[in-house]
Amino acid sequence: MKTLRIMAISAIALFYAQAFAQQASTPAQPSQDAAALSVGGSIPPQTEMGAPTGKSREQVYHELVQSKTDGEAATMRDIFKGTR
């Protein structure tokens, strides 16, 4: 009689353990919006799938020309001199 009762309790325990195991959810991911705003000041652009989008060649070239005209490129070259 005790054996039958132990087997029944064990079966019920296993059944409920599986039921609760299936209900477990993954923890929520923290929002990156607050982190991006606190570090860089703006949220980086992303595609619909969440991958970051980069700058176009035209945008990069425009930034290069702008840094050369306002003296930023020369300042950076002086600050980060190599051993050339």
PDB file of N, CA and C in Angstrom:
ATOM      1  N   MET A   1       0.812  -1.184   0.000  1.00  0.00           N
ATOM      2  CA  MET A   1       0.000   0.000   0.000  1.00  0.00           C
ATOM      3  C   MET A   1       0.865   1.261   0.000  1.00  0.00           C
ATOM      4  N   LYS A   2       1.922   1.271   0.832  1.00  0.00           N
ATOM      5  CA  LYS A   2       2.802   2.436   0.883  1.00  0.00           C
ATOM      6  C   LYS A   2       3.522   2.620  -0.439  1.00  0.00           C
ATOM      7  N   THR A   3       3.902   1.535  -1.070  1.00  0.00           N
ATOM      8  CA  THR A   3       4.601   1.609  -2.347  1.00  0.00           C
ATOM      9  C   THR A   3       3.715   2.252  -3.406  1.00  0.00           C
ATOM     10  N   LEU A   4       2.457   1.855  -3.436  1.00  0.00           N
ATOM     11  CA  LEU A   4       1.510   2.422  -4.398  1.00  0.00           C
ATOM     12  C   LEU A   4       1.315   3.914  -4.145  1.00  0.00           C
ATOM     13  N   ARG A   5       1.233   4.301  -2.897  1.00  0.00           N
ATOM     14  CA  ARG A   5       1.057   5.719  -2.554  1.00  0.00           C
ATOM     15  C   ARG A   5       2.298   6.529  -2.949  1.00  0.00           C
ATOM     16  N   ILE A   6       3.492   6.017  -2.722  1.00  0.00           N
ATOM     17  CA  ILE A   6       4.735   6.701  -3.089  1.00  0.00           C
ATOM     18  C   ILE A   6       4.828   6.844  -4.597  1.00  0.00           C
ATOM     19  N   MET A   7       4.456   5.817  -5.342  1.00  0.00           N
ATOM     20  CA  MET A   7       4.491   5.879  -6.804  1.00  0.00           C
ATOM     21  C   MET A   7       3.496   6.917  -7.325  1.00  0.00           C
ATOM     22  N   ALA A   8       2.318   6.974  -6.735  1.00  0.00           N
ATOM     23  CA  ALA A   8       1.305   7.938  -7.161  1.00  0.00           C
ATOM     24  C   ALA A   8       1.775   9.366  -6.880  1.00  0.00           C
ATOM     25  N   ILE A   9       2.333   9.601  -5.710  1.00  0.00           N
ATOM     26  CA  ILE A   9       2.830  10.935  -5.364  1.00  0.00           C
ATOM     27  C   ILE A   9       3.990  11.324  -6.273  1.00  0.00           C
ATOM     28  N   SER A  10       4.865  10.378  -6.590  1.00  0.00           N
ATOM     29  CA  SER A  10       5.993  10.650  -7.485  1.00  0.00           C
ATOM     30  C   SER A  10       5.504  11.000  -8.883  1.00  0.00           C
ATOM     31  N   ALA A  11       4.497  10.276  -9.382  1.00  0.00           N
ATOM     32  CA  ALA A  11       3.949  10.551 -10.706  1.00  0.00           C
ATOM     33  C   ALA A  11       3.315  11.941 -10.762  1.00  0.00           C
ATOM     34  N   ILE A  12       2.581  12.298  -9.719  1.00  0.00           N
ATOM     35  CA  ILE A  12       1.953  13.619  -9.673  1.00  0.00           C
ATOM     36  C   ILE A  12       3.017  14.711  -9.600  1.00  0.00           C
ATOM     37  N   ALA A  13       4.056  14.493  -8.813  1.00  0.00           N
ATOM     38  CA  ALA A  13       5.136  15.472  -8.688  1.00  0.00           C
ATOM     39  C   ALA A  13       5.840  15.672 -10.028  1.00  0.00           C
ATOM     40  N   LEU A  14       6.104  14.590 -10.739  1.00  0.00           N
ATOM     41  CA  LEU A  14       6.744  14.704 -12.054  1.00  0.00           C
ATOM     42  C   LEU A  14       5.845  15.428 -13.049  1.00  0.00           C
ATOM     43  N   PHE A  15       4.551  15.159 -12.999  1.00  0.00           N
ATOM     44  CA  PHE A  15       3.609  15.814 -13.898  1.00  0.00           C
ATOM     45  C   PHE A  15       3.620  17.333 -13.672  1.00  0.00           C
ATOM     46  N   TYR A  16       3.535  17.755 -12.407  1.00  0.00           N
ATOM     47  CA  TYR A  16       3.519  19.178 -12.111  1.00  0.00           C
ATOM     48  C   TYR A  16       4.877  19.839 -12.378  1.00  0.00           C
ATOM     49  N   ALA A  17       5.949  19.110 -12.188  1.00  0.00           N
ATOM     50  CA  ALA A  17       7.276  19.667 -12.469  1.00  0.00           C
ATOM     51  C   ALA A  17       7.407  19.986 -13.954  1.00  0.00           C
ATOM     52  N   GLN A  18       6.900  19.100 -14.812  1.00  0.00           N
ATOM     53  CA  GLN A  18       6.946  19.348 -16.249  1.00  0.00           C
ATOM     54  C   GLN A  18       6.042  20.509 -16.636  1.00  0.00           C
ATOM     55  N   ALA A  19       4.886  20.594 -16.014  1.00  0.00           N
ATOM     56  CA  ALA A  19       3.954  21.676 -16.325  1.00  0.00           C
ATOM     57  C   ALA A  19       4.559  23.026 -15.972  1.00  0.00           C
ATOM     58  N   PHE A  20       5.200  23.119 -14.809  1.00  0.00           N
ATOM     59  CA  PHE A  20       5.810  24.383 -14.412  1.00  0.00           C
ATOM     60  C   PHE A  20       7.064  24.678 -15.220  1.00  0.00           C
ATOM     61  N   ALA A  21       7.773  23.661 -15.651  1.00  0.00           N
ATOM     62  CA  ALA A  21       8.969  23.874 -16.454  1.00  0.00           C
ATOM     63  C   ALA A  21       8.607  24.472 -17.802  1.00  0.00           C
ATOM     64  N   GLN A  22       7.476  24.120 -18.350  1.00  0.00           N
ATOM     65  CA  GLN A  22       7.063  24.652 -19.642  1.00  0.00           C
ATOM     66  C   GLN A  22       6.579  26.091 -19.535  1.00  0.00           C
ATOM     67  N   GLN A  23       6.152  26.516 -18.374  1.00  0.00           N
ATOM     68  CA  GLN A  23       5.659  27.868 -18.208  1.00  0.00           C
ATOM     69  C   GLN A  23       6.771  28.871 -17.954  1.00  0.00           C
ATOM     70  N   ALA A  24       7.964  28.416 -17.693  1.00  0.00           N
ATOM     71  CA  ALA A  24       9.054  29.331 -17.401  1.00  0.00           C
ATOM     72  C   ALA A  24       9.353  30.161 -18.642  1.00  0.00           C
ATOM     73  N   SER A  25       9.494  31.456 -18.455  1.00  0.00           N
ATOM     74  CA  SER A  25       9.776  32.330 -19.587  1.00  0.00           C
ATOM     75  C   SER A  25      11.180  32.898 -19.450  1.00  0.00           C
ATOM     76  N   THR A  26      11.693  33.403 -20.555  1.00  0.00           N
ATOM     77  CA  THR A  26      13.017  34.008 -20.537  1.00  0.00           C
ATOM     78  C   THR A  26      12.919  35.400 -19.940  1.00  0.00           C
ATOM     79  N   PRO A  27      13.950  35.849 -19.250  1.00  0.00           N
ATOM     80  CA  PRO A  27      13.902  37.187 -18.668  1.00  0.00           C
ATOM     81  C   PRO A  27      13.867  38.255 -19.757  1.00  0.00           C
ATOM     82  N   ALA A  28      13.216  39.344 -19.492  1.00  0.00           N
ATOM     83  CA  ALA A  28      13.099  40.430 -20.464  1.00  0.00           C
ATOM     84  C   ALA A  28      14.450  41.109 -20.666  1.00  0.00           C
ATOM     85  N   GLN A  29      14.737  41.461 -21.911  1.00  0.00           N
ATOM     86  CA  GLN A  29      15.962  42.169 -22.226  1.00  0.00           C
ATOM     87  C   GLN A  29      15.819  43.630 -21.808  1.00  0.00           C
ATOM     88  N   PRO A  30      16.843  44.194 -21.188  1.00  0.00           N
ATOM     89  CA  PRO A  30      16.748  45.607 -20.825  1.00  0.00           C
ATOM     90  C   PRO A  30      16.739  46.470 -22.076  1.00  0.00           C
ATOM     91  N   SER A  31      16.070  47.577 -22.001  1.00  0.00           N
ATOM     92  CA  SER A  31      15.975  48.485 -23.137  1.00  0.00           C
ATOM     93  C   SER A  31      17.332  49.134 -23.392  1.00  0.00           C
ATOM     94  N   GLN A  32      17.739  49.150 -24.640  1.00  0.00           N
ATOM     95  CA  GLN A  32      19.011  49.763 -24.989  1.00  0.00           C
ATOM     96  C   GLN A  32      18.842  51.255 -25.264  1.00  0.00           C
ATOM     97  N   ASP A  33      17.607  51.732 -25.342  1.00  0.00           N
ATOM     98  CA  ASP A  33      17.373  53.134 -25.640  1.00  0.00           C
ATOM     99  C   ASP A  33      17.973  54.037 -24.567  1.00  0.00           C
ATOM    100  N   ALA A  34      17.759  53.717 -23.306  1.00  0.00           N
ATOM    101  CA  ALA A  34      18.282  54.537 -22.222  1.00  0.00           C
ATOM    102  C   ALA A  34      19.801  54.523 -22.214  1.00  0.00           C
ATOM    103  N   ALA A  35      20.389  53.368 -22.476  1.00  0.00           N
ATOM    104  CA  ALA A  35      21.853  53.272 -22.489  1.00  0.00           C
ATOM    105  C   ALA A  35      22.431  54.064 -23.655  1.00  0.00           C
ATOM    106  N   ALA A  36      21.800  53.989 -24.806  1.00  0.00           N
ATOM    107  CA  ALA A  36      22.298  54.717 -25.969  1.00  0.00           C
ATOM    108  C   ALA A  36      22.186  56.221 -25.752  1.00  0.00           C
ATOM    109  N   LEU A  37      21.111  56.657 -25.135  1.00  0.00           N
ATOM    110  CA  LEU A  37      20.936  58.086 -24.891  1.00  0.00           C
ATOM    111  C   LEU A  37      21.922  58.601 -23.856  1.00  0.00           C
ATOM    112  N   SER A  38      22.238  57.801 -22.852  1.00  0.00           N
ATOM    113  CA  SER A  38      23.148  58.276 -21.820  1.00  0.00           C
ATOM    114  C   SER A  38      24.586  58.312 -22.308  1.00  0.00           C
ATOM    115  N   VAL A  39      24.951  57.481 -23.271  1.00  0.00           N
ATOM    116  CA  VAL A  39      26.332  57.431 -23.741  1.00  0.00           C
ATOM    117  C   VAL A  39      26.545  58.330 -24.951  1.00  0.00           C
ATOM    118  N   GLY A  40      25.765  58.110 -26.001  1.00  0.00           N
ATOM    119  CA  GLY A  40      26.009  58.829 -27.242  1.00  0.00           C
ATOM    120  C   GLY A  40      25.090  59.999 -27.499  1.00  0.00           C
ATOM    121  N   GLY A  41      23.992  60.075 -26.801  1.00  0.00           N
ATOM    122  CA  GLY A  41      23.094  61.183 -26.984  1.00  0.00           C
ATOM    123  C   GLY A  41      22.002  60.934 -28.000  1.00  0.00           C
ATOM    124  N   SER A  42      22.118  59.898 -28.802  1.00  0.00           N
ATOM    125  CA  SER A  42      21.069  59.588 -29.765  1.00  0.00           C
ATOM    126  C   SER A  42      20.995  58.078 -29.955  1.00  0.00           C
ATOM    127  N   ILE A  43      19.850  57.632 -30.406  1.00  0.00           N
ATOM    128  CA  ILE A  43      19.645  56.207 -30.641  1.00  0.00           C
ATOM    129  C   ILE A  43      20.164  55.879 -32.040  1.00  0.00           C
ATOM    130  N   PRO A  44      21.053  54.886 -32.171  1.00  0.00           N
ATOM    131  CA  PRO A  44      21.581  54.556 -33.488  1.00  0.00           C
ATOM    132  C   PRO A  44      20.491  53.993 -34.393  1.00  0.00           C
ATOM    133  N   PRO A  45      20.535  54.299 -35.686  1.00  0.00           N
ATOM    134  CA  PRO A  45      19.523  53.764 -36.593  1.00  0.00           C
ATOM    135  C   PRO A  45      19.653  52.253 -36.736  1.00  0.00           C
ATOM    136  N   GLN A  46      18.516  51.591 -36.916  1.00  0.00           N
ATOM    137  CA  GLN A  46      18.515  50.141 -37.044  1.00  0.00           C
ATOM    138  C   GLN A  46      17.569  49.722 -38.159  1.00  0.00           C
ATOM    139  N   THR A  47      17.835  48.545 -38.715  1.00  0.00           N
ATOM    140  CA  THR A  47      16.942  47.977 -39.704  1.00  0.00           C
ATOM    141  C   THR A  47      15.747  47.362 -38.999  1.00  0.00           C
ATOM    142  N   GLU A  48      14.802  46.849 -39.767  1.00  0.00           N
ATOM    143  CA  GLU A  48      13.625  46.228 -39.168  1.00  0.00           C
ATOM    144  C   GLU A  48      13.986  45.004 -38.335  1.00  0.00           C
ATOM    145  N   MET A  49      15.075  44.327 -38.678  1.00  0.00           N
ATOM    146  CA  MET A  49      15.495  43.137 -37.947  1.00  0.00           C
ATOM    147  C   MET A  49      16.346  43.491 -36.723  1.00  0.00           C
ATOM    148  N   GLY A  50      16.652  44.769 -36.526  1.00  0.00           N
ATOM    149  CA  GLY A  50      17.399  45.171 -35.352  1.00  0.00           C
ATOM    150  C   GLY A  50      18.886  45.342 -35.584  1.00  0.00           C
ATOM    151  N   ALA A  51      19.365  45.061 -36.802  1.00  0.00           N
ATOM    152  CA  ALA A  51      20.782  45.214 -37.092  1.00  0.00           C
ATOM    153  C   ALA A  51      21.100  46.700 -37.275  1.00  0.00           C
ATOM    154  N   PRO A  52      22.240  47.161 -36.764  1.00  0.00           N
ATOM    155  CA  PRO A  52      22.571  48.574 -36.922  1.00  0.00           C
ATOM    156  C   PRO A  52      22.877  48.900 -38.374  1.00  0.00           C
ATOM    157  N   THR A  53      22.463  50.063 -38.795  1.00  0.00           N
ATOM    158  CA  THR A  53      22.773  50.507 -40.157  1.00  0.00           C
ATOM    159  C   THR A  53      23.933  51.471 -40.075  1.00  0.00           C
ATOM    160  N   GLY A  54      24.836  51.375 -41.019  1.00  0.00           N
ATOM    161  CA  GLY A  54      26.002  52.240 -41.027  1.00  0.00           C
ATOM    162  C   GLY A  54      25.762  53.478 -41.868  1.00  0.00           C
ATOM    163  N   LYS A  55      26.768  54.312 -41.921  1.00  0.00           N
ATOM    164  CA  LYS A  55      26.696  55.522 -42.732  1.00  0.00           C
ATOM    165  C   LYS A  55      26.990  55.173 -44.172  1.00  0.00           C
ATOM    166  N   SER A  56      26.469  55.987 -45.071  1.00  0.00           N
ATOM    167  CA  SER A  56      26.759  55.782 -46.483  1.00  0.00           C
ATOM    168  C   SER A  56      28.147  56.351 -46.783  1.00  0.00           C
ATOM    169  N   ARG A  57      28.676  56.011 -47.924  1.00  0.00           N
ATOM    170  CA  ARG A  57      29.994  56.538 -48.304  1.00  0.00           C
ATOM    171  C   ARG A  57      29.946  58.050 -48.435  1.00  0.00           C
ATOM    172  N   GLU A  58      28.829  58.536 -48.940  1.00  0.00           N
ATOM    173  CA  GLU A  58      28.667  59.973 -49.109  1.00  0.00           C
ATOM    174  C   GLU A  58      28.717  60.699 -47.754  1.00  0.00           C
ATOM    175  N   GLN A  59      28.068  60.132 -46.740  1.00  0.00           N
ATOM    176  CA  GLN A  59      28.077  60.745 -45.414  1.00  0.00           C
ATOM    177  C   GLN A  59      29.474  60.744 -44.814  1.00  0.00           C
ATOM    178  N   VAL A  60      30.191  59.642 -44.973  1.00  0.00           N
ATOM    179  CA  VAL A  60      31.545  59.550 -44.432  1.00  0.00           C
ATOM    180  C   VAL A  60      32.466  60.531 -45.139  1.00  0.00           C
ATOM    181  N   TYR A  61      32.336  60.622 -46.470  1.00  0.00           N
ATOM    182  CA  TYR A  61      33.171  61.551 -47.235  1.00  0.00           C
ATOM    183  C   TYR A  61      32.878  62.991 -46.824  1.00  0.00           C
ATOM    184  N   HIS A  62      31.601  63.315 -46.634  1.00  0.00           N
ATOM    185  CA  HIS A  62      31.220  64.661 -46.215  1.00  0.00           C
ATOM    186  C   HIS A  62      31.834  64.996 -44.850  1.00  0.00           C
ATOM    187  N   GLU A  63      31.831  64.047 -43.936  1.00  0.00           N
ATOM    188  CA  GLU A  63      32.441  64.262 -42.622  1.00  0.00           C
ATOM    189  C   GLU A  63      33.954  64.448 -42.735  1.00  0.00           C
ATOM    190  N   LEU A  64      34.587  63.723 -43.645  1.00  0.00           N
ATOM    191  CA  LEU A  64      36.028  63.860 -43.847  1.00  0.00           C
ATOM    192  C   LEU A  64      36.368  65.254 -44.365  1.00  0.00           C
ATOM    193  N   VAL A  65      35.629  65.693 -45.367  1.00  0.00           N
ATOM    194  CA  VAL A  65      35.863  67.027 -45.924  1.00  0.00           C
ATOM    195  C   VAL A  65      35.616  68.089 -44.863  1.00  0.00           C
ATOM    196  N   GLN A  66      34.555  67.928 -44.090  1.00  0.00           N
ATOM    197  CA  GLN A  66      34.231  68.891 -43.036  1.00  0.00           C
ATOM    198  C   GLN A  66      35.335  68.953 -41.985  1.00  0.00           C
ATOM    199  N   SER A  67      35.879  67.784 -41.589  1.00  0.00           N
ATOM    200  CA  SER A  67      36.939  67.779 -40.578  1.00  0.00           C
ATOM    201  C   SER A  67      38.229  68.401 -41.112  1.00  0.00           C
ATOM    202  N   LYS A  68      38.468  68.284 -42.415  1.00  0.00           N
ATOM    203  CA  LYS A  68      39.656  68.910 -43.001  1.00  0.00           C
ATOM    204  C   LYS A  68      39.505  70.420 -43.067  1.00  0.00           C
ATOM    205  N   THR A  69      38.295  70.897 -43.374  1.00  0.00           N
ATOM    206  CA  THR A  69      38.104  72.341 -43.521  1.00  0.00           C
ATOM    207  C   THR A  69      38.069  73.074 -42.183  1.00  0.00           C
ATOM    208  N   ASP A  70      37.564  72.447 -41.138  1.00  0.00           N
ATOM    209  CA  ASP A  70      37.492  73.154 -39.859  1.00  0.00           C
ATOM    210  C   ASP A  70      38.705  72.889 -38.964  1.00  0.00           C
ATOM    211  N   GLY A  71      39.692  72.156 -39.461  1.00  0.00           N
ATOM    212  CA  GLY A  71      40.925  71.950 -38.720  1.00  0.00           C
ATOM    213  C   GLY A  71      40.898  70.782 -37.745  1.00  0.00           C
ATOM    214  N   GLU A  72      39.803  70.077 -37.699  1.00  0.00           N
ATOM    215  CA  GLU A  72      39.699  68.955 -36.769  1.00  0.00           C
ATOM    216  C   GLU A  72      40.662  67.834 -37.136  1.00  0.00           C
ATOM    217  N   ALA A  73      40.844  67.590 -38.432  1.00  0.00           N
ATOM    218  CA  ALA A  73      41.745  66.512 -38.866  1.00  0.00           C
ATOM    219  C   ALA A  73      43.177  66.806 -38.439  1.00  0.00           C
ATOM    220  N   ALA A  74      43.607  68.061 -38.577  1.00  0.00           N
ATOM    221  CA  ALA A  74      44.968  68.433 -38.183  1.00  0.00           C
ATOM    222  C   ALA A  74      45.141  68.304 -36.670  1.00  0.00           C
ATOM    223  N   THR A  75      44.126  68.694 -35.934  1.00  0.00           N
ATOM    224  CA  THR A  75      44.193  68.583 -34.472  1.00  0.00           C
ATOM    225  C   THR A  75      44.299  67.124 -34.047  1.00  0.00           C
ATOM    226  N   MET A  76      43.513  66.269 -34.655  1.00  0.00           N
ATOM    227  CA  MET A  76      43.564  64.835 -34.330  1.00  0.00           C
ATOM    228  C   MET A  76      44.906  64.239 -34.715  1.00  0.00           C
ATOM    229  N   ARG A  77      45.467  64.700 -35.840  1.00  0.00           N
ATOM    230  CA  ARG A  77      46.773  64.201 -36.259  1.00  0.00           C
ATOM    231  C   ARG A  77      47.845  64.599 -35.249  1.00  0.00           C
ATOM    232  N   ASP A  78      47.751  65.818 -34.716  1.00  0.00           N
ATOM    233  CA  ASP A  78      48.723  66.270 -33.715  1.00  0.00           C
ATOM    234  C   ASP A  78      48.569  65.514 -32.403  1.00  0.00           C
ATOM    235  N   ILE A  79      47.327  65.273 -32.009  1.00  0.00           N
ATOM    236  CA  ILE A  79      47.076  64.577 -30.746  1.00  0.00           C
ATOM    237  C   ILE A  79      47.521  63.126 -30.810  1.00  0.00           C
ATOM    238  N   PHE A  80      47.222  62.465 -31.902  1.00  0.00           N
ATOM    239  CA  PHE A  80      47.502  61.033 -32.028  1.00  0.00           C
ATOM    240  C   PHE A  80      48.668  60.758 -32.961  1.00  0.00           C
ATOM    241  N   LYS A  81      49.778  61.440 -32.737  1.00  0.00           N
ATOM    242  CA  LYS A  81      50.956  61.255 -33.585  1.00  0.00           C
ATOM    243  C   LYS A  81      51.482  59.833 -33.423  1.00  0.00           C
ATOM    244  N   GLY A  82      51.909  59.286 -34.527  1.00  0.00           N
ATOM    245  CA  GLY A  82      52.544  57.969 -34.497  1.00  0.00           C
ATOM    246  C   GLY A  82      54.043  58.135 -34.414  1.00  0.00           C
ATOM    247  N   THR A  83      54.754  57.061 -34.602  1.00  0.00           N
ATOM    248  CA  THR A  83      56.230  57.097 -34.531  1.00  0.00           C
ATOM    249  C   THR A  83      56.830  57.162 -35.916  1.00  0.00           C
ATOM    250  N   ARG A  84      56.145  57.777 -36.838  1.00  0.00           N
ATOM    251  CA  ARG A  84      56.656  57.866 -38.223  1.00  0.00           C
ATOM    252  C   ARG A  84      57.786  58.809 -38.344  1.00  0.00           C
TER     253      ARG A  84
END
